[in-house]
C-alpha atoms as a PDB file:
ATOM      1  CA  MET A   1      -2.018  -9.924  17.010  1.00  0.00           C
ATOM      2  CA  THR A   2      -4.056  -6.930  15.846  1.00  0.00           C
ATOM      3  CA  THR A   3      -6.135  -6.657  12.685  1.00  0.00           C
ATOM      4  CA  PRO A   4      -7.584  -3.657  10.813  1.00  0.00           C
ATOM      5  CA  ASP A   5     -10.631  -4.064  13.033  1.00  0.00           C
ATOM      6  CA  THR A   6      -8.550  -3.975  16.212  1.00  0.00           C
ATOM      7  CA  PRO A   7      -7.463  -0.466  17.265  1.00  0.00           C
ATOM      8  CA  ARG A   8      -4.437  -0.090  19.494  1.00  0.00           C
ATOM      9  CA  LEU A   9      -5.924   0.396  22.945  1.00  0.00           C
ATOM     10  CA  PRO A  10      -4.338   0.502  26.410  1.00  0.00           C
ATOM     11  CA  ARG A  11      -4.650  -2.601  28.512  1.00  0.00           C
ATOM     12  CA  VAL A  12      -7.337  -2.286  31.164  1.00  0.00           C
ATOM     13  CA  ALA A  13      -6.240  -3.257  34.662  1.00  0.00           C
ATOM     14  CA  ALA A  14      -8.443  -5.870  36.319  1.00  0.00           C
ATOM     15  CA  ARG A  15     -10.604  -4.159  38.910  1.00  0.00           C
ATOM     16  CA  PRO A  16     -14.061  -4.910  40.351  1.00  0.00           C
ATOM     17  CA  MET A  17     -15.813  -2.499  37.957  1.00  0.00           C
ATOM     18  CA  LEU A  18     -14.141  -3.831  34.847  1.00  0.00           C
ATOM     19  CA  SER A  19     -17.007  -3.047  32.464  1.00  0.00           C
ATOM     20  CA  ASP A  20     -16.764   0.629  33.456  1.00  0.00           C
ATOM     21  CA  ASP A  21     -13.054   0.608  32.652  1.00  0.00           C
ATOM     22  CA  VAL A  22     -13.696  -0.921  29.245  1.00  0.00           C
ATOM     23  CA  TYR A  23     -16.501   1.557  28.586  1.00  0.00           C
ATOM     24  CA  ARG A  24     -14.286   4.542  29.385  1.00  0.00           C
ATOM     25  CA  THR A  25     -11.417   3.178  27.298  1.00  0.00           C
ATOM     26  CA  LEU A  26     -13.604   2.597  24.246  1.00  0.00           C
ATOM     27  CA  ARG A  27     -15.464   5.866  24.706  1.00  0.00           C
ATOM     28  CA  ASP A  28     -12.204   7.835  24.811  1.00  0.00           C
ATOM     29  CA  ALA A  29     -10.983   6.015  21.690  1.00  0.00           C
ATOM     30  CA  LEU A  30     -14.197   6.850  19.839  1.00  0.00           C
ATOM     31  CA  VAL A  31     -14.307  10.495  20.893  1.00  0.00           C
ATOM     32  CA  SER A  32     -10.639  11.021  19.993  1.00  0.00           C
ATOM     33  CA  ALA A  33     -11.162   9.173  16.664  1.00  0.00           C
ATOM     34  CA  ARG A  34      -8.507   6.569  17.499  1.00  0.00           C
ATOM     35  CA  ILE A  35     -11.383   4.334  16.473  1.00  0.00           C
ATOM     36  CA  ALA A  36     -12.381   5.971  13.206  1.00  0.00           C
ATOM     37  CA  PRO A  37     -16.018   6.842  12.444  1.00  0.00           C
ATOM     38  CA  GLY A  38     -17.624   3.942  10.605  1.00  0.00           C
ATOM     39  CA  ALA A  39     -14.959   1.440  11.700  1.00  0.00           C
ATOM     40  CA  ARG A  40     -16.112  -2.078  12.530  1.00  0.00           C
ATOM     41  CA  MET A  41     -15.773  -2.969  16.208  1.00  0.00           C
ATOM     42  CA  ASN A  42     -15.268  -6.696  16.498  1.00  0.00           C
ATOM     43  CA  LEU A  43     -16.191  -7.882  19.978  1.00  0.00           C
ATOM     44  CA  ASP A  44     -13.707 -10.769  20.083  1.00  0.00           C
ATOM     45  CA  ALA A  45     -10.848  -8.651  18.733  1.00  0.00           C
ATOM     46  CA  LEU A  46     -11.520  -5.858  21.226  1.00  0.00           C
ATOM     47  CA  ALA A  47     -11.557  -8.343  24.098  1.00  0.00           C
ATOM     48  CA  ARG A  48      -8.201  -9.738  23.002  1.00  0.00           C
ATOM     49  CA  GLU A  49      -6.695  -6.276  22.594  1.00  0.00           C
ATOM     50  CA  LEU A  50      -7.892  -5.193  26.033  1.00  0.00           C
ATOM     51  CA  HIS A  51      -6.997  -8.526  27.656  1.00  0.00           C
ATOM     52  CA  VAL A  52     -10.475  -9.010  29.079  1.00  0.00           C
ATOM     53  CA  SER A  53     -13.333 -11.444  28.498  1.00  0.00           C
ATOM     54  CA  ASN A  54     -16.119 -10.744  26.018  1.00  0.00           C
ATOM     55  CA  THR A  55     -18.667  -9.933  28.726  1.00  0.00           C
ATOM     56  CA  PRO A  56     -17.381  -6.479  29.810  1.00  0.00           C
ATOM     57  CA  VAL A  57     -16.783  -5.534  26.166  1.00  0.00           C
ATOM     58  CA  ARG A  58     -20.346  -6.519  25.268  1.00  0.00           C
ATOM     59  CA  GLN A  59     -21.668  -4.478  28.223  1.00  0.00           C
ATOM     60  CA  ALA A  60     -19.549  -1.484  27.270  1.00  0.00           C
ATOM     61  CA  LEU A  61     -20.675  -1.631  23.637  1.00  0.00           C
ATOM     62  CA  ALA A  62     -24.325  -1.700  24.739  1.00  0.00           C
ATOM     63  CA  ARG A  63     -23.753   1.480  26.736  1.00  0.00           C
ATOM     64  CA  LEU A  64     -21.983   3.118  23.810  1.00  0.00           C
ATOM     65  CA  VAL A  65     -24.929   2.259  21.560  1.00  0.00           C
ATOM     66  CA  ALA A  66     -27.177   4.059  24.062  1.00  0.00           C
ATOM     67  CA  ASP A  67     -24.780   7.030  23.980  1.00  0.00           C
ATOM     68  CA  GLY A  68     -25.023   7.179  20.190  1.00  0.00           C
ATOM     69  CA  LEU A  69     -21.294   6.600  19.751  1.00  0.00           C
ATOM     70  CA  VAL A  70     -21.709   3.044  18.415  1.00  0.00           C
ATOM     71  CA  THR A  71     -24.306   1.503  16.114  1.00  0.00           C
ATOM     72  CA  GLN A  72     -25.408  -2.121  15.980  1.00  0.00           C
ATOM     73  CA  THR A  73     -26.888  -3.611  12.838  1.00  0.00           C
ATOM     74  CA  PRO A  74     -28.031  -7.167  12.003  1.00  0.00           C
ATOM     75  CA  TYR A  75     -25.351  -9.348  10.373  1.00  0.00           C
ATOM     76  CA  ARG A  76     -22.743  -6.575  10.683  1.00  0.00           C
ATOM     77  CA  GLY A  77     -22.406  -6.255  14.430  1.00  0.00           C
ATOM     78  CA  PHE A  78     -21.009  -3.133  16.070  1.00  0.00           C
ATOM     79  CA  MET A  79     -19.569  -0.122  14.265  1.00  0.00           C
ATOM     80  CA  ALA A  80     -18.333   3.275  15.369  1.00  0.00           C
ATOM     81  CA  SER A  81     -21.080   5.736  14.552  1.00  0.00           C
ATOM     82  CA  PRO A  82     -20.441   7.729  11.372  1.00  0.00           C
ATOM     83  CA  LEU A  83     -19.754  11.435  11.557  1.00  0.00           C
ATOM     84  CA  LEU A  84     -22.764  13.624  12.173  1.00  0.00           C
ATOM     85  CA  ASP A  85     -24.053  15.632   9.264  1.00  0.00           C
ATOM     86  CA  SER A  86     -24.850  19.337   9.474  1.00  0.00           C
ATOM     87  CA  GLU A  87     -28.534  18.719  10.210  1.00  0.00           C
ATOM     88  CA  GLN A  88     -27.736  16.397  13.111  1.00  0.00           C
ATOM     89  CA  ILE A  89     -25.315  18.961  14.521  1.00  0.00           C
ATOM     90  CA  ARG A  90     -28.042  21.615  14.252  1.00  0.00           C
ATOM     91  CA  GLN A  91     -30.485  19.351  16.081  1.00  0.00           C
ATOM     92  CA  LEU A  92     -28.030  18.715  18.907  1.00  0.00           C
ATOM     93  CA  TYR A  93     -27.380  22.432  19.289  1.00  0.00           C
ATOM     94  CA  GLU A  94     -31.122  23.042  19.254  1.00  0.00           C
ATOM     95  CA  TYR A  95     -31.485  20.609  22.147  1.00  0.00           C
ATOM     96  CA  ARG A  96     -28.640  22.251  24.031  1.00  0.00           C
ATOM     97  CA  THR A  97     -30.112  25.705  23.485  1.00  0.00           C
ATOM     98  CA  MET A  98     -33.411  24.531  24.961  1.00  0.00           C
ATOM     99  CA  VAL A  99     -31.854  23.111  28.122  1.00  0.00           C
ATOM    100  CA  GLU A 100     -28.449  24.607  28.912  1.00  0.00           C
ATOM    101  CA  PRO A 101     -29.454  28.258  29.438  1.00  0.00           C
ATOM    102  CA  ASN A 102     -32.041  27.044  31.960  1.00  0.00           C
ATOM    103  CA  ILE A 103     -29.382  24.876  33.588  1.00  0.00           C
ATOM    104  CA  ALA A 104     -27.036  27.860  33.883  1.00  0.00           C
ATOM    105  CA  GLY A 105     -29.768  29.998  35.421  1.00  0.00           C
ATOM    106  CA  MET A 106     -30.629  27.313  37.959  1.00  0.00           C
ATOM    107  CA  ALA A 107     -26.943  26.709  38.672  1.00  0.00           C
ATOM    108  CA  SER A 108     -26.491  30.333  39.716  1.00  0.00           C
ATOM    109  CA  VAL A 109     -29.124  29.814  42.414  1.00  0.00           C
ATOM    110  CA  ARG A 110     -28.275  26.299  43.585  1.00  0.00           C
ATOM    111  CA  ARG A 111     -24.465  26.209  43.284  1.00  0.00           C
ATOM    112  CA  SER A 112     -22.337  25.800  46.368  1.00  0.00           C
ATOM    113  CA  ASP A 113     -19.247  27.875  47.063  1.00  0.00           C
ATOM    114  CA  GLU A 114     -17.145  24.832  46.221  1.00  0.00           C
ATOM    115  CA  GLN A 115     -18.899  24.409  42.864  1.00  0.00           C
ATOM    116  CA  SER A 116     -18.421  28.091  42.060  1.00  0.00           C
ATOM    117  CA  ALA A 117     -14.733  27.745  42.784  1.00  0.00           C
ATOM    118  CA  GLN A 118     -14.555  24.690  40.536  1.00  0.00           C
ATOM    119  CA  LEU A 119     -16.126  26.548  37.601  1.00  0.00           C
ATOM    120  CA  LEU A 120     -13.723  29.445  38.020  1.00  0.00           C
ATOM    121  CA  GLU A 121     -10.796  27.035  38.246  1.00  0.00           C
ATOM    122  CA  ILE A 122     -11.819  25.204  35.059  1.00  0.00           C
ATOM    123  CA  THR A 123     -11.969  28.534  33.214  1.00  0.00           C
ATOM    124  CA  ASP A 124      -8.856  30.035  34.796  1.00  0.00           C
ATOM    125  CA  GLU A 125      -7.277  32.303  32.209  1.00  0.00           C
ATOM    126  CA  ALA A 126      -3.673  31.277  32.831  1.00  0.00           C
ATOM    127  CA  THR A 127      -4.516  27.570  32.626  1.00  0.00           C
ATOM    128  CA  ILE A 128      -6.429  27.965  29.393  1.00  0.00           C
ATOM    129  CA  ASP A 129      -3.750  30.210  27.876  1.00  0.00           C
ATOM    130  CA  ALA A 130      -1.147  27.524  28.549  1.00  0.00           C
ATOM    131  CA  ALA A 131      -3.310  24.795  27.023  1.00  0.00           C
ATOM    132  CA  ILE A 132      -4.087  26.866  23.936  1.00  0.00           C
ATOM    133  CA  SER A 133      -0.420  27.731  23.433  1.00  0.00           C
ATOM    134  CA  GLU A 134       0.365  24.016  23.445  1.00  0.00           C
ATOM    135  CA  GLU A 135      -2.406  23.439  20.887  1.00  0.00           C
ATOM    136  CA  ALA A 136      -3.724  20.666  23.111  1.00  0.00           C
ATOM    137  CA  SER A 137      -7.008  20.374  21.215  1.00  0.00           C
ATOM    138  CA  GLY A 138      -7.912  17.023  22.734  1.00  0.00           C
ATOM    139  CA  LEU A 139      -7.351  18.290  26.271  1.00  0.00           C
ATOM    140  CA  LEU A 140      -9.344  21.441  25.605  1.00  0.00           C
ATOM    141  CA  GLY A 141     -12.176  19.377  24.168  1.00  0.00           C
ATOM    142  CA  GLU A 142     -12.262  17.282  27.325  1.00  0.00           C
ATOM    143  CA  ARG A 143     -12.246  20.432  29.440  1.00  0.00           C
ATOM    144  CA  ASP A 144     -15.111  21.832  27.389  1.00  0.00           C
ATOM    145  CA  VAL A 145     -17.231  18.795  28.286  1.00  0.00           C
ATOM    146  CA  ALA A 146     -16.049  18.986  31.903  1.00  0.00           C
ATOM    147  CA  PHE A 147     -17.113  22.632  32.114  1.00  0.00           C
ATOM    148  CA  HIS A 148     -20.627  22.085  30.780  1.00  0.00           C
ATOM    149  CA  LEU A 149     -21.128  19.043  32.996  1.00  0.00           C
ATOM    150  CA  ALA A 150     -19.805  20.979  36.005  1.00  0.00           C
ATOM    151  CA  VAL A 151     -22.443  23.647  35.350  1.00  0.00           C
ATOM    152  CA  ALA A 152     -25.103  20.938  35.173  1.00  0.00           C
ATOM    153  CA  SER A 153     -23.885  19.326  38.396  1.00  0.00           C
ATOM    154  CA  CYS A 154     -24.594  22.568  40.244  1.00  0.00           C
ATOM    155  CA  ILE A 155     -28.351  22.012  40.024  1.00  0.00           C
ATOM    156  CA  GLY A 156     -28.187  18.702  41.857  1.00  0.00           C
ATOM    157  CA  ASN A 157     -30.127  16.652  39.295  1.00  0.00           C
ATOM    158  CA  PRO A 158     -28.060  13.698  38.042  1.00  0.00           C
ATOM    159  CA  ILE A 159     -30.602  12.838  35.333  1.00  0.00           C
ATOM    160  CA  VAL A 160     -29.939  16.182  33.664  1.00  0.00           C
ATOM    161  CA  GLY A 161     -26.202  15.579  33.772  1.00  0.00           C
ATOM    162  CA  GLU A 162     -26.580  12.073  32.362  1.00  0.00           C
ATOM    163  CA  HIS A 163     -28.593  13.168  29.335  1.00  0.00           C
ATOM    164  CA  LEU A 164     -26.443  16.226  28.668  1.00  0.00           C
ATOM    165  CA  GLY A 165     -23.330  14.060  28.932  1.00  0.00           C
ATOM    166  CA  GLN A 166     -24.618  11.783  26.184  1.00  0.00           C
ATOM    167  CA  VAL A 167     -25.178  14.755  23.877  1.00  0.00           C
ATOM    168  CA  LEU A 168     -21.775  16.253  24.635  1.00  0.00           C
ATOM    169  CA  ALA A 169     -20.083  12.912  23.989  1.00  0.00           C
ATOM    170  CA  ARG A 170     -21.580  12.788  20.501  1.00  0.00           C
ATOM    171  CA  MET A 171     -20.392  16.329  19.796  1.00  0.00           C
ATOM    172  CA  GLN A 172     -16.896  16.142  21.229  1.00  0.00           C
ATOM    173  CA  SER A 173     -15.399  15.077  17.904  1.00  0.00           C
ATOM    174  CA  TYR A 174     -16.483  18.424  16.459  1.00  0.00           C
ATOM    175  CA  THR A 175     -14.382  20.577  18.726  1.00  0.00           C
ATOM    176  CA  LEU A 176     -12.762  23.533  16.983  1.00  0.00           C
ATOM    177  CA  TYR A 177      -9.949  23.762  19.495  1.00  0.00           C
ATOM    178  CA  THR A 178      -7.408  23.166  16.756  1.00  0.00           C
ATOM    179  CA  HIS A 179      -8.331  26.717  15.708  1.00  0.00           C
ATOM    180  CA  GLN A 180      -6.733  28.980  18.310  1.00  0.00           C
ATOM    181  CA  PRO A 181      -8.979  32.039  17.738  1.00  0.00           C
ATOM    182  CA  SER A 182     -12.081  29.869  18.172  1.00  0.00           C
ATOM    183  CA  ALA A 183     -10.615  28.240  21.249  1.00  0.00           C
ATOM    184  CA  ARG A 184      -9.870  31.545  22.910  1.00  0.00           C
ATOM    185  CA  LEU A 185     -13.310  32.979  22.164  1.00  0.00           C
ATOM    186  CA  ALA A 186     -15.061  29.857  23.450  1.00  0.00           C
ATOM    187  CA  TRP A 187     -13.129  29.883  26.703  1.00  0.00           C
ATOM    188  CA  GLU A 188     -13.705  33.598  27.235  1.00  0.00           C
ATOM    189  CA  GLU A 189     -17.418  32.793  26.949  1.00  0.00           C
ATOM    190  CA  HIS A 190     -16.999  29.938  29.445  1.00  0.00           C
ATOM    191  CA  ARG A 191     -15.319  32.341  31.840  1.00  0.00           C
ATOM    192  CA  THR A 192     -18.227  34.781  31.567  1.00  0.00           C
ATOM    193  CA  ILE A 193     -20.727  31.994  32.286  1.00  0.00           C
ATOM    194  CA  ALA A 194     -18.693  30.857  35.302  1.00  0.00           C
ATOM    195  CA  GLU A 195     -18.509  34.394  36.688  1.00  0.00           C
ATOM    196  CA  GLU A 196     -22.254  34.982  36.302  1.00  0.00           C
ATOM    197  CA  ILE A 197     -23.065  31.679  38.006  1.00  0.00           C
ATOM    198  CA  SER A 198     -20.581  32.370  40.784  1.00  0.00           C
ATOM    199  CA  ALA A 199     -22.124  35.809  41.342  1.00  0.00           C
ATOM    200  CA  GLY A 200     -25.630  34.325  41.531  1.00  0.00           C
ATOM    201  CA  ARG A 201     -26.957  36.262  38.539  1.00  0.00           C
ATOM    202  CA  ALA A 202     -29.481  33.836  37.036  1.00  0.00           C
ATOM    203  CA  THR A 203     -30.709  35.907  34.089  1.00  0.00           C
ATOM    204  CA  GLU A 204     -27.205  36.911  33.069  1.00  0.00           C
ATOM    205  CA  ALA A 205     -25.920  33.350  33.401  1.00  0.00           C
ATOM    206  CA  ALA A 206     -28.713  32.022  31.184  1.00  0.00           C
ATOM    207  CA  GLU A 207     -28.115  34.715  28.572  1.00  0.00           C
ATOM    208  CA  ALA A 208     -24.357  34.093  28.604  1.00  0.00           C
ATOM    209  CA  MET A 209     -24.927  30.383  28.002  1.00  0.00           C
ATOM    210  CA  LYS A 210     -27.424  31.085  25.227  1.00  0.00           C
ATOM    211  CA  ALA A 211     -24.944  33.415  23.512  1.00  0.00           C
ATOM    212  CA  HIS A 212     -22.146  30.864  23.904  1.00  0.00           C
ATOM    213  CA  LEU A 213     -24.194  28.146  22.187  1.00  0.00           C
ATOM    214  CA  ALA A 214     -25.278  30.489  19.383  1.00  0.00           C
ATOM    215  CA  ASN A 215     -21.656  31.442  18.808  1.00  0.00           C
ATOM    216  CA  GLY A 216     -20.648  27.779  18.953  1.00  0.00           C
ATOM    217  CA  ILE A 217     -22.961  26.690  16.151  1.00  0.00           C
ATOM    218  CA  GLY A 218     -21.821  29.702  14.172  1.00  0.00           C
ATOM    219  CA  ARG A 219     -18.182  28.709  14.537  1.00  0.00           C
ATOM    220  CA  ILE A 220     -18.950  25.139  13.432  1.00  0.00           C
ATOM    221  CA  ARG A 221     -20.941  26.308  10.415  1.00  0.00           C
ATOM    222  CA  ALA A 222     -17.970  28.383   9.325  1.00  0.00           C
ATOM    223  CA  VAL A 223     -15.795  25.280   8.909  1.00  0.00           C
ATOM    224  CA  ILE A 224     -18.244  22.414   8.240  1.00  0.00           C
ATOM    225  CA  PRO A 225     -20.186  22.367   4.951  1.00  0.00           C
ATOM    226  CA  HIS A 226     -23.947  22.829   5.358  1.00  0.00           C
END
């Protein structure tokens, strides 16, 4: 039986890396807001809902705390992190602006032909047009994260990808892909970044990423109160 503290979650199949499965399931539920910001996350209830023991749930929650998606407080236990305020969003964009243009520049030098092809595939115009026409905001948000992490993977430094992934996870709930004009502009910018990286133009790739992030914070400010 479920309770208000027990979101409807898919059953996780028993596999050797069970804690990873639970982590991904809970992370997806948090990012998509199926687990609402500020909602209590009862360890026992989650274990029952997912048909697993408490141990993998506890491990997954610890990782989500490190990601910033879950908070843990004395006497209250685990809760989904509340929505970011405008200052926190600004700080995250400030971090991204410090690191991602450099990542894009390095990616244009270090990327393999296979990685270039992947970036161009992710930003393929026909694919994105189809997704936008279906108003698949959740899918586009996931692809946004996939694109930025694919750029980071080109430099061959997994630590960079790990830290950037944590930041992107916290921001994924703030996607504006329900707004078709914003979605199209963002993906046109992604396409430009992918083309500059693929062509090996480091300065242009860095500038394209910098412009994309500046435009991104501008689009968010237009719809989220300061």
